[in-house]
Amino acid sequence: MAIKKLTKAEAEWLSQFKELMAACPSKRLGSYTVGDADIKIYDKPAFDAYRKDLEKKVRDMPDDVTMHADIGSVLDTIQMPFQVDGVCG
């Protein structure tokens, strides 16, 4: 299957999206997806501190989604207009 280049409208939309993301007014926000069409926005410093503290106390760490639920660190969800795949690498 041949890969098509971006259309003019797609390229313009992506450019605007990148500009908007680059203008984020905070270093506090983190994001993740579990492979859905949404992205979770969370309080990264609070989550990182919780994870670091928990690593000292438990042998088997819960997964990140469970930890976010435990402490309520998800601040918002962005519904994307397309699938967001969760991949490793």
PDB file of N, CA and C in Angstrom:
ATOM      1  N   MET A   1       0.842  -1.177   0.000  1.00  0.00           N
ATOM      2  CA  MET A   1       0.000   0.000   0.000  1.00  0.00           C
ATOM      3  C   MET A   1       0.892   1.247   0.000  1.00  0.00           C
ATOM      4  N   ALA A   2       0.603   2.162  -0.866  1.00  0.00           N
ATOM      5  CA  ALA A   2       1.369   3.410  -0.955  1.00  0.00           C
ATOM      6  C   ALA A   2       0.928   4.368   0.144  1.00  0.00           C
ATOM      7  N   ILE A   3       1.904   5.017   0.740  1.00  0.00           N
ATOM      8  CA  ILE A   3       1.622   6.028   1.764  1.00  0.00           C
ATOM      9  C   ILE A   3       1.441   7.368   1.065  1.00  0.00           C
ATOM     10  N   LYS A   4       0.284   7.982   1.309  1.00  0.00           N
ATOM     11  CA  LYS A   4      -0.004   9.275   0.694  1.00  0.00           C
ATOM     12  C   LYS A   4       0.574  10.396   1.545  1.00  0.00           C
ATOM     13  N   LYS A   5       1.025  11.442   0.905  1.00  0.00           N
ATOM     14  CA  LYS A   5       1.504  12.618   1.630  1.00  0.00           C
ATOM     15  C   LYS A   5       0.317  13.321   2.284  1.00  0.00           C
ATOM     16  N   LEU A   6       0.618  14.161   3.258  1.00  0.00           N
ATOM     17  CA  LEU A   6      -0.439  14.927   3.918  1.00  0.00           C
ATOM     18  C   LEU A   6      -1.117  15.861   2.918  1.00  0.00           C
ATOM     19  N   THR A   7      -2.407  16.013   3.099  1.00  0.00           N
ATOM     20  CA  THR A   7      -3.095  17.014   2.299  1.00  0.00           C
ATOM     21  C   THR A   7      -2.739  18.387   2.842  1.00  0.00           C
ATOM     22  N   LYS A   8      -3.043  19.418   2.113  1.00  0.00           N
ATOM     23  CA  LYS A   8      -2.777  20.777   2.573  1.00  0.00           C
ATOM     24  C   LYS A   8      -3.523  21.052   3.878  1.00  0.00           C
ATOM     25  N   ALA A   9      -4.779  20.625   3.961  1.00  0.00           N
ATOM     26  CA  ALA A   9      -5.582  20.850   5.174  1.00  0.00           C
ATOM     27  C   ALA A   9      -4.992  20.079   6.359  1.00  0.00           C
ATOM     28  N   GLU A  10      -4.546  18.838   6.140  1.00  0.00           N
ATOM     29  CA  GLU A  10      -3.948  18.047   7.220  1.00  0.00           C
ATOM     30  C   GLU A  10      -2.654  18.689   7.702  1.00  0.00           C
ATOM     31  N   ALA A  11      -1.822  19.121   6.771  1.00  0.00           N
ATOM     32  CA  ALA A  11      -0.549  19.742   7.136  1.00  0.00           C
ATOM     33  C   ALA A  11      -0.772  21.028   7.921  1.00  0.00           C
ATOM     34  N   GLU A  12      -1.747  21.816   7.520  1.00  0.00           N
ATOM     35  CA  GLU A  12      -2.056  23.066   8.231  1.00  0.00           C
ATOM     36  C   GLU A  12      -2.575  22.766   9.627  1.00  0.00           C
ATOM     37  N   TRP A  13      -3.462  21.788   9.751  1.00  0.00           N
ATOM     38  CA  TRP A  13      -4.013  21.420  11.054  1.00  0.00           C
ATOM     39  C   TRP A  13      -2.897  20.938  11.979  1.00  0.00           C
ATOM     40  N   LEU A  14      -1.996  20.088  11.480  1.00  0.00           N
ATOM     41  CA  LEU A  14      -0.893  19.592  12.293  1.00  0.00           C
ATOM     42  C   LEU A  14       0.039  20.717  12.724  1.00  0.00           C
ATOM     43  N   SER A  15       0.283  21.657  11.857  1.00  0.00           N
ATOM     44  CA  SER A  15       1.122  22.805  12.203  1.00  0.00           C
ATOM     45  C   SER A  15       0.494  23.605  13.343  1.00  0.00           C
ATOM     46  N   GLN A  16      -0.801  23.849  13.246  1.00  0.00           N
ATOM     47  CA  GLN A  16      -1.508  24.575  14.305  1.00  0.00           C
ATOM     48  C   GLN A  16      -1.501  23.785  15.610  1.00  0.00           C
ATOM     49  N   PHE A  17      -1.681  22.487  15.523  1.00  0.00           N
ATOM     50  CA  PHE A  17      -1.674  21.621  16.694  1.00  0.00           C
ATOM     51  C   PHE A  17      -0.322  21.668  17.397  1.00  0.00           C
ATOM     52  N   LYS A  18       0.751  21.586  16.630  1.00  0.00           N
ATOM     53  CA  LYS A  18       2.103  21.651  17.199  1.00  0.00           C
ATOM     54  C   LYS A  18       2.352  22.992  17.878  1.00  0.00           C
ATOM     55  N   GLU A  19       1.913  24.070  17.265  1.00  0.00           N
ATOM     56  CA  GLU A  19       2.077  25.400  17.867  1.00  0.00           C
ATOM     57  C   GLU A  19       1.323  25.486  19.186  1.00  0.00           C
ATOM     58  N   LEU A  20       0.111  24.973  19.202  1.00  0.00           N
ATOM     59  CA  LEU A  20      -0.687  24.994  20.427  1.00  0.00           C
ATOM     60  C   LEU A  20      -0.013  24.185  21.532  1.00  0.00           C
ATOM     61  N   MET A  21       0.489  22.993  21.201  1.00  0.00           N
ATOM     62  CA  MET A  21       1.156  22.154  22.199  1.00  0.00           C
ATOM     63  C   MET A  21       2.442  22.821  22.706  1.00  0.00           C
ATOM     64  N   ALA A  22       3.173  23.480  21.831  1.00  0.00           N
ATOM     65  CA  ALA A  22       4.423  24.150  22.220  1.00  0.00           C
ATOM     66  C   ALA A  22       4.158  25.335  23.145  1.00  0.00           C
ATOM     67  N   ALA A  23       2.949  25.857  23.122  1.00  0.00           N
ATOM     68  CA  ALA A  23       2.608  27.023  23.935  1.00  0.00           C
ATOM     69  C   ALA A  23       2.068  26.646  25.314  1.00  0.00           C
ATOM     70  N   CYS A  24       2.179  25.392  25.704  1.00  0.00           N
ATOM     71  CA  CYS A  24       1.685  24.959  27.020  1.00  0.00           C
ATOM     72  C   CYS A  24       2.309  25.841  28.106  1.00  0.00           C
ATOM     73  N   PRO A  25       1.495  26.419  28.982  1.00  0.00           N
ATOM     74  CA  PRO A  25       2.009  27.354  29.988  1.00  0.00           C
ATOM     75  C   PRO A  25       2.571  26.691  31.247  1.00  0.00           C
ATOM     76  N   SER A  26       2.755  25.368  31.229  1.00  0.00           N
ATOM     77  CA  SER A  26       3.137  24.667  32.447  1.00  0.00           C
ATOM     78  C   SER A  26       4.088  23.519  32.148  1.00  0.00           C
ATOM     79  N   LYS A  27       5.003  23.270  33.080  1.00  0.00           N
ATOM     80  CA  LYS A  27       5.874  22.094  33.021  1.00  0.00           C
ATOM     81  C   LYS A  27       5.300  20.972  33.883  1.00  0.00           C
ATOM     82  N   ARG A  28       4.170  21.201  34.537  1.00  0.00           N
ATOM     83  CA  ARG A  28       3.556  20.265  35.472  1.00  0.00           C
ATOM     84  C   ARG A  28       2.809  19.130  34.777  1.00  0.00           C
ATOM     85  N   LEU A  29       2.361  19.349  33.565  1.00  0.00           N
ATOM     86  CA  LEU A  29       1.478  18.392  32.919  1.00  0.00           C
ATOM     87  C   LEU A  29       2.234  17.242  32.274  1.00  0.00           C
ATOM     88  N   GLY A  30       1.680  16.064  32.428  1.00  0.00           N
ATOM     89  CA  GLY A  30       2.156  14.875  31.737  1.00  0.00           C
ATOM     90  C   GLY A  30       0.974  14.286  30.988  1.00  0.00           C
ATOM     91  N   SER A  31       1.227  13.322  30.123  1.00  0.00           N
ATOM     92  CA  SER A  31       0.129  12.692  29.394  1.00  0.00           C
ATOM     93  C   SER A  31       0.435  11.226  29.155  1.00  0.00           C
ATOM     94  N   TYR A  32      -0.632  10.456  28.960  1.00  0.00           N
ATOM     95  CA  TYR A  32      -0.484   9.057  28.586  1.00  0.00           C
ATOM     96  C   TYR A  32      -1.727   8.598  27.857  1.00  0.00           C
ATOM     97  N   THR A  33      -1.578   7.490  27.169  1.00  0.00           N
ATOM     98  CA  THR A  33      -2.708   6.807  26.551  1.00  0.00           C
ATOM     99  C   THR A  33      -2.540   5.315  26.787  1.00  0.00           C
ATOM    100  N   VAL A  34      -3.637   4.616  26.772  1.00  0.00           N
ATOM    101  CA  VAL A  34      -3.579   3.164  26.870  1.00  0.00           C
ATOM    102  C   VAL A  34      -3.964   2.545  25.532  1.00  0.00           C
ATOM    103  N   GLY A  35      -3.924   3.348  24.486  1.00  0.00           N
ATOM    104  CA  GLY A  35      -4.236   2.854  23.160  1.00  0.00           C
ATOM    105  C   GLY A  35      -5.679   3.069  22.768  1.00  0.00           C
ATOM    106  N   ASP A  36      -6.258   4.146  23.227  1.00  0.00           N
ATOM    107  CA  ASP A  36      -7.619   4.523  22.872  1.00  0.00           C
ATOM    108  C   ASP A  36      -7.570   5.775  22.002  1.00  0.00           C
ATOM    109  N   ALA A  37      -8.693   6.365  21.776  1.00  0.00           N
ATOM    110  CA  ALA A  37      -8.736   7.617  21.018  1.00  0.00           C
ATOM    111  C   ALA A  37      -8.751   8.813  21.972  1.00  0.00           C
ATOM    112  N   ASP A  38      -8.117   8.649  23.124  1.00  0.00           N
ATOM    113  CA  ASP A  38      -8.025   9.776  24.045  1.00  0.00           C
ATOM    114  C   ASP A  38      -6.650   9.798  24.710  1.00  0.00           C
ATOM    115  N   ILE A  39      -6.332  10.958  25.244  1.00  0.00           N
ATOM    116  CA  ILE A  39      -5.081  11.163  25.965  1.00  0.00           C
ATOM    117  C   ILE A  39      -5.442  11.693  27.346  1.00  0.00           C
ATOM    118  N   LYS A  40      -4.893  11.084  28.367  1.00  0.00           N
ATOM    119  CA  LYS A  40      -5.097  11.545  29.742  1.00  0.00           C
ATOM    120  C   LYS A  40      -4.011  12.559  30.069  1.00  0.00           C
ATOM    121  N   ILE A  41      -4.418  13.655  30.690  1.00  0.00           N
ATOM    122  CA  ILE A  41      -3.490  14.684  31.152  1.00  0.00           C
ATOM    123  C   ILE A  41      -3.427  14.576  32.672  1.00  0.00           C
ATOM    124  N   TYR A  42      -2.203  14.508  33.204  1.00  0.00           N
ATOM    125  CA  TYR A  42      -2.074  14.303  34.643  1.00  0.00           C
ATOM    126  C   TYR A  42      -1.026  15.226  35.257  1.00  0.00           C
ATOM    127  N   ASP A  43      -1.060  15.283  36.594  1.00  0.00           N
ATOM    128  CA  ASP A  43      -0.105  16.075  37.370  1.00  0.00           C
ATOM    129  C   ASP A  43       1.171  15.254  37.505  1.00  0.00           C
ATOM    130  N   LYS A  44       2.150  15.529  36.658  1.00  0.00           N
ATOM    131  CA  LYS A  44       3.370  14.713  36.591  1.00  0.00           C
ATOM    132  C   LYS A  44       4.198  14.765  37.876  1.00  0.00           C
ATOM    133  N   PRO A  45       4.483  15.929  38.450  1.00  0.00           N
ATOM    134  CA  PRO A  45       5.281  15.923  39.691  1.00  0.00           C
ATOM    135  C   PRO A  45       4.608  15.155  40.827  1.00  0.00           C
ATOM    136  N   ALA A  46       3.298  15.290  40.961  1.00  0.00           N
ATOM    137  CA  ALA A  46       2.589  14.574  42.022  1.00  0.00           C
ATOM    138  C   ALA A  46       2.640  13.071  41.783  1.00  0.00           C
ATOM    139  N   PHE A  47       2.426  12.663  40.538  1.00  0.00           N
ATOM    140  CA  PHE A  47       2.474  11.239  40.215  1.00  0.00           C
ATOM    141  C   PHE A  47       3.876  10.673  40.414  1.00  0.00           C
ATOM    142  N   ASP A  48       4.888  11.387  39.950  1.00  0.00           N
ATOM    143  CA  ASP A  48       6.272  10.916  40.098  1.00  0.00           C
ATOM    144  C   ASP A  48       6.649  10.763  41.572  1.00  0.00           C
ATOM    145  N   ALA A  49       6.219  11.706  42.409  1.00  0.00           N
ATOM    146  CA  ALA A  49       6.511  11.626  43.843  1.00  0.00           C
ATOM    147  C   ALA A  49       5.810  10.417  44.471  1.00  0.00           C
ATOM    148  N   TYR A  50       4.566  10.197  44.082  1.00  0.00           N
ATOM    149  CA  TYR A  50       3.820   9.037  44.596  1.00  0.00           C
ATOM    150  C   TYR A  50       4.510   7.745  44.193  1.00  0.00           C
ATOM    151  N   ARG A  51       4.888   7.629  42.926  1.00  0.00           N
ATOM    152  CA  ARG A  51       5.547   6.420  42.435  1.00  0.00           C
ATOM    153  C   ARG A  51       6.863   6.179  43.183  1.00  0.00           C
ATOM    154  N   LYS A  52       7.665   7.223  43.356  1.00  0.00           N
ATOM    155  CA  LYS A  52       8.953   7.103  44.043  1.00  0.00           C
ATOM    156  C   LYS A  52       8.758   6.623  45.479  1.00  0.00           C
ATOM    157  N   ASP A  53       7.768   7.194  46.154  1.00  0.00           N
ATOM    158  CA  ASP A  53       7.475   6.799  47.531  1.00  0.00           C
ATOM    159  C   ASP A  53       6.985   5.351  47.596  1.00  0.00           C
ATOM    160  N   LEU A  54       6.117   4.980  46.663  1.00  0.00           N
ATOM    161  CA  LEU A  54       5.559   3.630  46.655  1.00  0.00           C
ATOM    162  C   LEU A  54       6.631   2.590  46.361  1.00  0.00           C
ATOM    163  N   GLU A  55       7.595   2.928  45.512  1.00  0.00           N
ATOM    164  CA  GLU A  55       8.681   1.989  45.185  1.00  0.00           C
ATOM    165  C   GLU A  55       9.463   1.574  46.426  1.00  0.00           C
ATOM    166  N   LYS A  56       9.517   2.450  47.427  1.00  0.00           N
ATOM    167  CA  LYS A  56      10.222   2.154  48.673  1.00  0.00           C
ATOM    168  C   LYS A  56       9.418   1.217  49.575  1.00  0.00           C
ATOM    169  N   LYS A  57       8.104   1.137  49.343  1.00  0.00           N
ATOM    170  CA  LYS A  57       7.227   0.426  50.267  1.00  0.00           C
ATOM    171  C   LYS A  57       6.722  -0.923  49.768  1.00  0.00           C
ATOM    172  N   VAL A  58       6.610  -1.101  48.469  1.00  0.00           N
ATOM    173  CA  VAL A  58       6.019  -2.331  47.949  1.00  0.00           C
ATOM    174  C   VAL A  58       6.974  -3.031  46.990  1.00  0.00           C
ATOM    175  N   ARG A  59       6.828  -4.311  46.927  1.00  0.00           N
ATOM    176  CA  ARG A  59       7.689  -5.100  46.039  1.00  0.00           C
ATOM    177  C   ARG A  59       7.120  -5.142  44.625  1.00  0.00           C
ATOM    178  N   ASP A  60       5.833  -5.402  44.500  1.00  0.00           N
ATOM    179  CA  ASP A  60       5.177  -5.487  43.203  1.00  0.00           C
ATOM    180  C   ASP A  60       4.383  -4.205  42.954  1.00  0.00           C
ATOM    181  N   MET A  61       4.920  -3.390  42.074  1.00  0.00           N
ATOM    182  CA  MET A  61       4.284  -2.100  41.782  1.00  0.00           C
ATOM    183  C   MET A  61       3.020  -2.310  40.943  1.00  0.00           C
ATOM    184  N   PRO A  62       1.953  -1.576  41.259  1.00  0.00           N
ATOM    185  CA  PRO A  62       0.781  -1.604  40.376  1.00  0.00           C
ATOM    186  C   PRO A  62       1.116  -0.881  39.071  1.00  0.00           C
ATOM    187  N   ASP A  63       0.292  -1.080  38.047  1.00  0.00           N
ATOM    188  CA  ASP A  63       0.550  -0.381  36.794  1.00  0.00           C
ATOM    189  C   ASP A  63       0.211   1.103  36.951  1.00  0.00           C
ATOM    190  N   ASP A  64       0.683   1.903  36.020  1.00  0.00           N
ATOM    191  CA  ASP A  64       0.509   3.352  36.113  1.00  0.00           C
ATOM    192  C   ASP A  64      -0.962   3.763  36.148  1.00  0.00           C
ATOM    193  N   VAL A  65      -1.800   3.110  35.346  1.00  0.00           N
ATOM    194  CA  VAL A  65      -3.220   3.477  35.312  1.00  0.00           C
ATOM    195  C   VAL A  65      -3.843   3.291  36.690  1.00  0.00           C
ATOM    196  N   THR A  66      -3.508   2.198  37.344  1.00  0.00           N
ATOM    197  CA  THR A  66      -4.020   1.945  38.698  1.00  0.00           C
ATOM    198  C   THR A  66      -3.518   3.004  39.671  1.00  0.00           C
ATOM    199  N   MET A  67      -2.233   3.353  39.569  1.00  0.00           N
ATOM    200  CA  MET A  67      -1.689   4.377  40.473  1.00  0.00           C
ATOM    201  C   MET A  67      -2.353   5.733  40.238  1.00  0.00           C
ATOM    202  N   HIS A  68      -2.589   6.097  38.974  1.00  0.00           N
ATOM    203  CA  HIS A  68      -3.282   7.356  38.698  1.00  0.00           C
ATOM    204  C   HIS A  68      -4.663   7.351  39.349  1.00  0.00           C
ATOM    205  N   ALA A  69      -5.372   6.236  39.240  1.00  0.00           N
ATOM    206  CA  ALA A  69      -6.704   6.127  39.844  1.00  0.00           C
ATOM    207  C   ALA A  69      -6.627   6.219  41.364  1.00  0.00           C
ATOM    208  N   ASP A  70      -5.598   5.599  41.953  1.00  0.00           N
ATOM    209  CA  ASP A  70      -5.447   5.598  43.410  1.00  0.00           C
ATOM    210  C   ASP A  70      -5.277   7.006  43.979  1.00  0.00           C
ATOM    211  N   ILE A  71      -4.534   7.851  43.268  1.00  0.00           N
ATOM    212  CA  ILE A  71      -4.253   9.179  43.830  1.00  0.00           C
ATOM    213  C   ILE A  71      -5.037  10.305  43.159  1.00  0.00           C
ATOM    214  N   GLY A  72      -5.774   9.995  42.112  1.00  0.00           N
ATOM    215  CA  GLY A  72      -6.576  11.022  41.438  1.00  0.00           C
ATOM    216  C   GLY A  72      -5.738  12.041  40.681  1.00  0.00           C
ATOM    217  N   SER A  73      -4.651  11.586  40.082  1.00  0.00           N
ATOM    218  CA  SER A  73      -3.737  12.525  39.420  1.00  0.00           C
ATOM    219  C   SER A  73      -4.149  12.919  38.002  1.00  0.00           C
ATOM    220  N   VAL A  74      -5.146  12.235  37.428  1.00  0.00           N
ATOM    221  CA  VAL A  74      -5.609  12.617  36.087  1.00  0.00           C
ATOM    222  C   VAL A  74      -6.426  13.895  36.209  1.00  0.00           C
ATOM    223  N   LEU A  75      -5.995  14.914  35.488  1.00  0.00           N
ATOM    224  CA  LEU A  75      -6.627  16.229  35.552  1.00  0.00           C
ATOM    225  C   LEU A  75      -7.679  16.435  34.469  1.00  0.00           C
ATOM    226  N   ASP A  76      -7.486  15.782  33.323  1.00  0.00           N
ATOM    227  CA  ASP A  76      -8.413  15.971  32.207  1.00  0.00           C
ATOM    228  C   ASP A  76      -8.182  14.863  31.181  1.00  0.00           C
ATOM    229  N   THR A  77      -9.115  14.727  30.275  1.00  0.00           N
ATOM    230  CA  THR A  77      -9.006  13.783  29.165  1.00  0.00           C
ATOM    231  C   THR A  77      -9.273  14.535  27.879  1.00  0.00           C
ATOM    232  N   ILE A  78      -8.393  14.346  26.909  1.00  0.00           N
ATOM    233  CA  ILE A  78      -8.574  14.965  25.598  1.00  0.00           C
ATOM    234  C   ILE A  78      -9.025  13.877  24.633  1.00  0.00           C
ATOM    235  N   GLN A  79     -10.200  14.048  24.092  1.00  0.00           N
ATOM    236  CA  GLN A  79     -10.710  13.109  23.097  1.00  0.00           C
ATOM    237  C   GLN A  79     -10.121  13.497  21.748  1.00  0.00           C
ATOM    238  N   MET A  80      -9.359  12.601  21.174  1.00  0.00           N
ATOM    239  CA  MET A  80      -8.708  12.863  19.903  1.00  0.00           C
ATOM    240  C   MET A  80      -9.654  12.522  18.747  1.00  0.00           C
ATOM    241  N   PRO A  81      -9.463  13.162  17.599  1.00  0.00           N
ATOM    242  CA  PRO A  81     -10.318  12.858  16.445  1.00  0.00           C
ATOM    243  C   PRO A  81      -9.848  11.616  15.696  1.00  0.00           C
ATOM    244  N   PHE A  82      -8.884  10.902  16.260  1.00  0.00           N
ATOM    245  CA  PHE A  82      -8.332   9.702  15.634  1.00  0.00           C
ATOM    246  C   PHE A  82      -7.775   8.801  16.718  1.00  0.00           C
ATOM    247  N   GLN A  83      -7.502   7.570  16.359  1.00  0.00           N
ATOM    248  CA  GLN A  83      -6.931   6.587  17.283  1.00  0.00           C
ATOM    249  C   GLN A  83      -5.544   7.001  17.728  1.00  0.00           C
ATOM    250  N   VAL A  84      -5.234   6.825  19.013  1.00  0.00           N
ATOM    251  CA  VAL A  84      -3.894   7.048  19.544  1.00  0.00           C
ATOM    252  C   VAL A  84      -3.399   5.682  20.015  1.00  0.00           C
ATOM    253  N   ASP A  85      -2.425   5.132  19.311  1.00  0.00           N
ATOM    254  CA  ASP A  85      -1.908   3.812  19.653  1.00  0.00           C
ATOM    255  C   ASP A  85      -0.875   3.916  20.764  1.00  0.00           C
ATOM    256  N   GLY A  86      -0.957   3.031  21.730  1.00  0.00           N
ATOM    257  CA  GLY A  86       0.064   2.921  22.758  1.00  0.00           C
ATOM    258  C   GLY A  86       1.095   1.895  22.293  1.00  0.00           C
ATOM    259  N   VAL A  87       2.308   2.315  22.056  1.00  0.00           N
ATOM    260  CA  VAL A  87       3.351   1.411  21.570  1.00  0.00           C
ATOM    261  C   VAL A  87       4.612   1.570  22.422  1.00  0.00           C
ATOM    262  N   CYS A  88       5.480   0.613  22.367  1.00  0.00           N
ATOM    263  CA  CYS A  88       6.743   0.672  23.095  1.00  0.00           C
ATOM    264  C   CYS A  88       7.874   0.971  22.123  1.00  0.00           C
ATOM    265  N   GLY A  89       8.896   1.655  22.630  1.00  0.00           N
ATOM    266  CA  GLY A  89      10.061   1.834  21.781  1.00  0.00           C
ATOM    267  C   GLY A  89      10.601   3.182  21.708  1.00  0.00           C
TER     268      GLY A  89
END
